[in-house]
Amino acid sequence: MWPFTGPGAAWLVLYVLTFALHAVFVSYVVGGTVYALVQAVRKPDDAIAERVRDRLPFMLGCGITAGVAPLLFLQLLHQRRFYTANLVAGPRWGAVVPALIVGFYALYLAKASVRLRKVALGVGAGCFVFVAWSWTEIHLLMEDDAAWRAMYAAGRRVYGEASVAPRLLVWLGAMATLFATVSLWWASGAERRRLVVIGVAGRAVAAIACAWLIARGASTEQGAHGWLYLALAALAVEAVGWGWTWVAPGGAGPLLVTGAGTAALVAAAVVREAPRIALLEPPRPAAAEAGGLPLFVVTALAGAAAIAWIVRTVASTPPESGDGDERS
């Protein structure tokens, strides 16, 4: 079943899986930053927001690190298209890196200073939404040969295709749900019910955005229909999990939400990639002979082990006494 068969199947599978992992981390960062900002405006002593602020810099580091693999696979699979879209967008696309740097330090500032917390979180949220918008743009621009020439001739750096907005909205909704899903494991009781509301609201936003895309004529590639049905089935199971978590916050609802949400994320990643399969170009002989899969597997396992060790170490370290925030 596509993309697990045919030429380049191994690279496509690895791209989809690593992209899904990256999406989990960045969703926690984007969703968590927005949640912490809203709660900072409403009531700074919210327990979920406090945990989120403590974890955001680490989760952003994980998101950036986890994004290296799918970025490399993207360059390998779509060399000409990826680099052409980069060059056409030019400095506007290059602004992604400074935005991430500013957002990264803004998260540390939000964690350290009560006085500047709202401003720092607002700056961080703005930076991360800008990055999400930029990636949505570049994803669509890679597929639009005609836009390359038009943008270059006009000297434009912004890809103004109308489907950028609904696609971005789909991912922002999904990010809210993924944030809530991860946060369930650190919450209990009433906190989990609040996260249920966020998770379901995120799915509702994504559904509205999908309807918007369909109204504009978007459709799923024929070869990806099976994955679309799998995603829909997983979302139905996930909905049961959210309901279970609401009724019995201490039950197994989060486990059902996490399992079904993972299946939906992977299936959606396949559906997302499907339109670009026809655009794949044969690899250059030197690239085809280079290989490197064994080294990648070893490195991936070593990296996963290192991250797991860091998470375990951080989770087992008792918090320091006192609160330096009040002095800021």
Protein backbone atom coordinates (compact mmCIF):
# COMPACT_ATOMS: atom_id res chain seq x y z
CA MET A 1 0.00 0.00 0.00
CA TRP A 2 1.35 3.41 -0.98
CA PRO A 3 3.80 4.81 0.08
CA PHE A 4 5.16 1.51 1.38
CA THR A 5 5.68 0.12 -2.13
CA GLY A 6 7.48 1.27 -5.26
CA PRO A 7 10.72 3.18 -5.90
CA GLY A 8 11.90 5.33 -3.03
CA ALA A 9 9.39 3.75 -0.66
CA ALA A 10 11.86 3.56 2.24
CA TRP A 11 12.66 7.26 2.00
CA LEU A 12 9.01 8.24 1.74
CA VAL A 13 8.11 6.16 4.77
CA LEU A 14 10.94 7.65 6.80
CA TYR A 15 9.96 11.13 5.67
CA VAL A 16 6.33 10.64 6.73
CA LEU A 17 7.23 9.13 10.11
CA THR A 18 9.87 11.71 11.00
CA PHE A 19 7.55 14.51 9.88
CA ALA A 20 4.82 13.16 12.17
CA LEU A 21 7.23 13.09 15.13
CA HIS A 22 8.33 16.65 14.36
CA ALA A 23 4.68 17.73 14.19
CA VAL A 24 4.04 16.48 17.74
CA PHE A 25 6.82 18.60 19.25
CA VAL A 26 6.08 21.78 17.28
CA SER A 27 2.37 21.41 18.01
CA TYR A 28 3.10 21.35 21.72
CA VAL A 29 5.22 24.49 21.31
CA VAL A 30 2.69 26.45 19.25
CA GLY A 31 -0.35 25.29 21.20
CA GLY A 32 1.43 25.62 24.53
CA THR A 33 2.66 29.13 23.81
CA VAL A 34 -0.81 30.31 22.85
CA TYR A 35 -2.35 28.58 25.87
CA ALA A 36 0.21 30.09 28.26
CA LEU A 37 -0.36 33.53 26.72
CA VAL A 38 -4.13 33.31 27.13
CA GLN A 39 -3.79 32.13 30.72
CA ALA A 40 -1.21 34.83 31.49
CA VAL A 41 -3.80 37.41 30.43
CA ARG A 42 -6.58 35.71 32.41
CA LYS A 43 -4.94 34.19 35.53
CA PRO A 44 -1.17 33.67 35.83
CA ASP A 45 -1.42 30.94 38.47
CA ASP A 46 -2.95 28.32 36.14
CA ALA A 47 -1.30 24.93 36.84
CA ILE A 48 -1.30 23.75 33.23
CA ALA A 49 0.24 27.02 32.03
CA GLU A 50 2.95 26.78 34.68
CA ARG A 51 3.94 23.29 33.53
CA VAL A 52 3.79 24.37 29.90
CA ARG A 53 6.07 27.36 30.46
CA ASP A 54 8.64 25.13 32.14
CA ARG A 55 8.65 22.66 29.25
CA LEU A 56 8.39 24.99 26.25
CA PRO A 57 12.11 25.72 25.69
CA PHE A 58 12.95 22.02 25.92
CA MET A 59 10.08 21.03 23.62
CA LEU A 60 11.12 23.65 21.07
CA GLY A 61 14.64 22.21 21.11
CA CYS A 62 13.14 18.75 20.52
CA GLY A 63 10.97 20.12 17.71
CA ILE A 64 13.89 21.76 15.92
CA THR A 65 16.04 18.65 16.35
CA ALA A 66 13.25 16.34 15.18
CA GLY A 67 12.74 18.60 12.17
CA VAL A 68 16.21 17.93 10.79
CA ALA A 69 15.37 14.44 9.48
CA PRO A 70 12.19 15.34 7.54
CA LEU A 71 13.94 18.44 6.17
CA LEU A 72 16.79 16.30 4.83
CA PHE A 73 14.37 13.78 3.33
CA LEU A 74 12.42 16.63 1.74
CA GLN A 75 15.60 17.95 0.12
CA LEU A 76 16.53 14.44 -1.04
CA LEU A 77 13.13 13.69 -2.56
CA HIS A 78 12.37 17.11 -4.06
CA GLN A 79 15.75 18.70 -4.67
CA ARG A 80 14.95 20.95 -7.63
CA ARG A 81 11.51 21.98 -6.40
CA PHE A 82 12.53 22.58 -2.80
CA TYR A 83 15.56 24.71 -3.65
CA THR A 84 13.74 26.62 -6.40
CA ALA A 85 10.92 27.52 -4.01
CA ASN A 86 13.55 28.62 -1.46
CA LEU A 87 15.26 30.88 -3.98
CA VAL A 88 12.02 32.39 -5.25
CA ALA A 89 10.84 33.23 -1.73
CA GLY A 90 14.31 34.57 -0.97
CA PRO A 91 14.87 36.64 2.20
CA ARG A 92 11.22 36.24 3.21
CA TRP A 93 11.81 32.49 3.52
CA GLY A 94 15.19 33.04 5.17
CA ALA A 95 13.41 34.99 7.94
CA VAL A 96 12.25 31.64 9.35
CA VAL A 97 15.58 31.08 11.11
CA PRO A 98 15.71 34.48 12.89
CA ALA A 99 12.05 34.02 13.87
CA LEU A 100 12.88 30.69 15.51
CA ILE A 101 15.83 32.23 17.37
CA VAL A 102 13.70 35.11 18.67
CA GLY A 103 10.93 32.71 19.64
CA PHE A 104 13.36 30.41 21.44
CA TYR A 105 14.71 33.20 23.66
CA ALA A 106 11.20 34.58 24.17
CA LEU A 107 10.21 31.27 25.78
CA TYR A 108 13.10 31.51 28.24
CA LEU A 109 12.14 35.11 29.04
CA ALA A 110 8.52 34.08 29.62
CA LYS A 111 9.73 31.41 32.02
CA ALA A 112 12.04 33.74 33.96
CA SER A 113 10.13 37.02 34.20
CA VAL A 114 6.60 37.64 35.42
CA ARG A 115 6.73 41.29 34.38
CA LEU A 116 7.62 40.53 30.77
CA ARG A 117 5.76 37.23 30.47
CA LYS A 118 2.81 38.42 28.40
CA VAL A 119 5.02 40.30 25.95
CA ALA A 120 7.45 37.39 25.63
CA LEU A 121 4.70 34.86 25.04
CA GLY A 122 3.04 37.16 22.52
CA VAL A 123 6.31 37.55 20.61
CA GLY A 124 6.91 33.79 20.76
CA ALA A 125 3.42 32.99 19.50
CA GLY A 126 3.82 35.47 16.65
CA CYS A 127 7.17 33.98 15.63
CA PHE A 128 5.87 30.41 15.64
CA VAL A 129 2.72 31.22 13.67
CA PHE A 130 4.92 33.06 11.15
CA VAL A 131 7.09 29.93 10.77
CA ALA A 132 3.99 27.75 10.33
CA TRP A 133 2.68 30.13 7.66
CA SER A 134 6.05 30.12 5.90
CA TRP A 135 6.20 26.32 5.77
CA THR A 136 2.63 26.16 4.47
CA GLU A 137 3.62 28.62 1.74
CA ILE A 138 6.76 26.75 0.73
CA HIS A 139 4.88 23.41 0.65
CA LEU A 140 2.42 24.79 -1.91
CA LEU A 141 4.99 26.85 -3.82
CA MET A 142 7.05 23.70 -4.46
CA GLU A 143 4.16 22.34 -6.54
CA ASP A 144 3.42 25.50 -8.53
CA ASP A 145 5.88 25.85 -11.42
CA ALA A 146 3.94 28.73 -12.97
CA ALA A 147 4.19 30.75 -9.76
CA TRP A 148 7.99 30.53 -9.83
CA ARG A 149 8.17 32.47 -13.08
CA ALA A 150 5.45 34.94 -12.13
CA MET A 151 6.95 35.72 -8.73
CA TYR A 152 10.47 36.05 -10.13
CA ALA A 153 9.32 38.34 -12.95
CA ALA A 154 7.34 40.55 -10.56
CA GLY A 155 10.00 40.52 -7.83
CA ARG A 156 7.46 39.20 -5.30
CA ARG A 157 8.54 37.21 -2.27
CA VAL A 158 5.12 36.25 -0.86
CA TYR A 159 3.17 33.38 -2.36
CA GLY A 160 -0.40 34.67 -2.28
CA GLU A 161 -2.26 31.52 -3.38
CA ALA A 162 -5.68 31.45 -1.73
CA SER A 163 -5.35 27.92 -0.34
CA VAL A 164 -2.51 28.96 1.99
CA ALA A 165 -4.93 30.32 4.60
CA PRO A 166 -7.21 27.25 4.92
CA ARG A 167 -4.23 24.86 4.90
CA LEU A 168 -2.58 26.87 7.66
CA LEU A 169 -5.85 26.79 9.59
CA VAL A 170 -5.98 23.00 9.27
CA TRP A 171 -2.55 22.71 10.88
CA LEU A 172 -3.26 25.28 13.60
CA GLY A 173 -6.34 23.28 14.57
CA ALA A 174 -4.35 20.04 14.53
CA MET A 175 -1.64 21.67 16.64
CA ALA A 176 -4.17 22.61 19.33
CA THR A 177 -5.37 19.00 19.46
CA LEU A 178 -1.86 17.55 19.58
CA PHE A 179 -0.93 19.98 22.36
CA ALA A 180 -3.94 18.86 24.36
CA THR A 181 -3.15 15.19 23.69
CA VAL A 182 0.42 15.45 24.99
CA SER A 183 -0.64 17.60 27.95
CA LEU A 184 -3.20 15.00 29.06
CA TRP A 185 -0.36 12.85 30.42
CA TRP A 186 0.74 15.58 32.84
CA ALA A 187 -2.75 16.56 33.97
CA SER A 188 -5.57 15.10 36.02
CA GLY A 189 -9.16 15.77 37.03
CA ALA A 190 -10.51 19.17 36.01
CA GLU A 191 -7.31 19.91 34.09
CA ARG A 192 -7.99 17.01 31.75
CA ARG A 193 -11.50 18.26 31.10
CA ARG A 194 -10.12 21.64 30.09
CA LEU A 195 -7.73 19.90 27.71
CA VAL A 196 -10.64 17.91 26.25
CA VAL A 197 -12.28 21.22 25.30
CA ILE A 198 -9.06 22.38 23.61
CA GLY A 199 -8.59 19.08 21.80
CA VAL A 200 -12.14 18.94 20.45
CA ALA A 201 -12.07 22.65 19.52
CA GLY A 202 -8.87 22.04 17.57
CA ARG A 203 -10.52 19.26 15.58
CA ALA A 204 -13.52 21.51 14.91
CA VAL A 205 -11.27 24.27 13.55
CA ALA A 206 -9.43 21.77 11.34
CA ALA A 207 -12.77 20.39 10.06
CA ILE A 208 -13.96 23.90 9.13
CA ALA A 209 -10.68 24.53 7.31
CA CYS A 210 -11.01 21.22 5.43
CA ALA A 211 -14.53 22.19 4.37
CA TRP A 212 -13.09 25.49 3.15
CA LEU A 213 -10.51 23.64 1.06
CA ILE A 214 -13.13 21.29 -0.37
CA ALA A 215 -15.29 24.29 -1.31
CA ARG A 216 -12.29 25.63 -3.22
CA GLY A 217 -12.06 22.39 -5.18
CA ALA A 218 -9.43 20.49 -3.17
CA SER A 219 -9.53 16.69 -3.40
CA THR A 220 -7.55 13.67 -2.26
CA GLU A 221 -5.27 11.80 -4.64
CA GLN A 222 -6.72 8.45 -5.76
CA GLY A 223 -3.83 6.47 -4.28
CA ALA A 224 -4.32 8.07 -0.86
CA HIS A 225 -8.03 7.32 -0.42
CA GLY A 226 -7.29 4.35 1.84
CA TRP A 227 -5.21 6.57 4.12
CA LEU A 228 -7.96 9.18 4.16
CA TYR A 229 -10.47 6.57 5.34
CA LEU A 230 -7.99 5.40 7.97
CA ALA A 231 -7.58 8.98 9.19
CA LEU A 232 -11.36 9.44 9.42
CA ALA A 233 -11.76 6.16 11.32
CA ALA A 234 -8.96 7.14 13.69
CA LEU A 235 -10.61 10.51 14.30
CA ALA A 236 -13.87 8.76 15.18
CA VAL A 237 -12.06 6.58 17.72
CA GLU A 238 -10.24 9.64 19.04
CA ALA A 239 -13.60 11.38 19.56
CA VAL A 240 -14.68 8.44 21.75
CA GLY A 241 -11.45 8.86 23.70
CA TRP A 242 -12.10 12.55 24.29
CA GLY A 243 -15.61 11.77 25.50
CA TRP A 244 -14.29 9.03 27.80
CA THR A 245 -11.72 11.43 29.24
CA TRP A 246 -14.44 13.99 29.94
CA VAL A 247 -16.69 11.49 31.71
CA ALA A 248 -13.88 9.67 33.57
CA PRO A 249 -10.75 11.88 33.70
CA GLY A 250 -8.84 9.19 35.58
CA GLY A 251 -9.68 6.41 33.13
CA ALA A 252 -8.00 5.10 30.00
CA GLY A 253 -9.35 7.87 27.75
CA PRO A 254 -5.95 9.54 27.24
CA LEU A 255 -4.49 6.24 26.03
CA LEU A 256 -7.27 5.91 23.44
CA VAL A 257 -6.87 9.54 22.39
CA THR A 258 -3.11 9.14 21.99
CA GLY A 259 -3.30 5.91 19.99
CA ALA A 260 -6.03 7.10 17.66
CA GLY A 261 -4.48 10.55 17.33
CA THR A 262 -1.16 9.00 16.33
CA ALA A 263 -2.84 6.91 13.64
CA ALA A 264 -4.72 9.97 12.37
CA LEU A 265 -1.53 12.05 12.28
CA VAL A 266 0.45 9.49 10.28
CA ALA A 267 -2.43 8.89 7.87
CA ALA A 268 -2.92 12.64 7.40
CA ALA A 269 0.81 13.05 6.71
CA VAL A 270 0.54 10.46 3.92
CA VAL A 271 -2.53 12.21 2.43
CA ARG A 272 -0.65 15.53 2.63
CA GLU A 273 2.30 14.12 0.70
CA ALA A 274 0.25 12.29 -1.94
CA PRO A 275 -0.07 15.17 -4.49
CA ARG A 276 3.71 15.49 -4.67
CA ILE A 277 4.39 11.86 -5.58
CA ALA A 278 3.81 12.57 -9.27
CA LEU A 279 6.40 15.36 -9.03
CA LEU A 280 9.21 13.13 -7.81
CA GLU A 281 12.23 13.08 -10.08
CA PRO A 282 14.66 10.15 -10.46
CA PRO A 283 17.61 10.50 -8.08
CA ARG A 284 21.00 11.26 -9.49
CA PRO A 285 23.23 8.16 -9.82
CA ALA A 286 25.66 9.48 -7.19
CA ALA A 287 22.82 10.00 -4.71
CA ALA A 288 21.31 6.59 -5.44
CA GLU A 289 24.63 4.87 -4.79
CA ALA A 290 25.44 6.82 -1.64
CA GLY A 291 22.94 4.97 0.55
CA GLY A 292 23.47 5.66 4.24
CA LEU A 293 20.36 3.96 5.65
CA PRO A 294 22.27 1.86 8.27
CA LEU A 295 24.03 4.98 9.57
CA PHE A 296 20.70 6.83 9.71
CA VAL A 297 19.07 4.05 11.71
CA VAL A 298 21.96 3.91 14.20
CA THR A 299 21.98 7.70 14.56
CA ALA A 300 18.20 7.84 14.97
CA LEU A 301 18.26 5.21 17.71
CA ALA A 302 21.13 6.98 19.50
CA GLY A 303 19.30 10.29 19.30
CA ALA A 304 16.06 8.77 20.60
CA ALA A 305 17.94 7.18 23.50
CA ALA A 306 19.63 10.49 24.34
CA ILE A 307 16.33 12.38 24.29
CA ALA A 308 14.68 9.71 26.44
CA TRP A 309 17.52 9.96 28.97
CA ILE A 310 17.22 13.76 29.08
CA VAL A 311 13.44 13.60 29.57
CA ARG A 312 13.80 11.06 32.35
CA THR A 313 16.52 13.12 34.04
CA VAL A 314 14.49 16.32 33.88
CA ALA A 315 11.34 14.59 35.12
CA SER A 316 13.16 13.05 38.10
CA THR A 317 14.94 16.25 39.17
CA PRO A 318 13.17 17.95 42.11
CA PRO A 319 12.28 21.63 41.55
CA GLU A 320 14.50 24.24 43.13
CA SER A 321 13.19 25.91 46.26
CA GLY A 322 12.02 29.47 45.96
CA ASP A 323 10.55 31.37 43.05
CA GLY A 324 12.85 33.69 41.17
CA ASP A 325 9.92 35.03 39.13
CA GLU A 326 8.84 37.40 41.84
CA ARG A 327 12.18 39.20 41.66
CA SER A 328 11.85 39.87 37.94
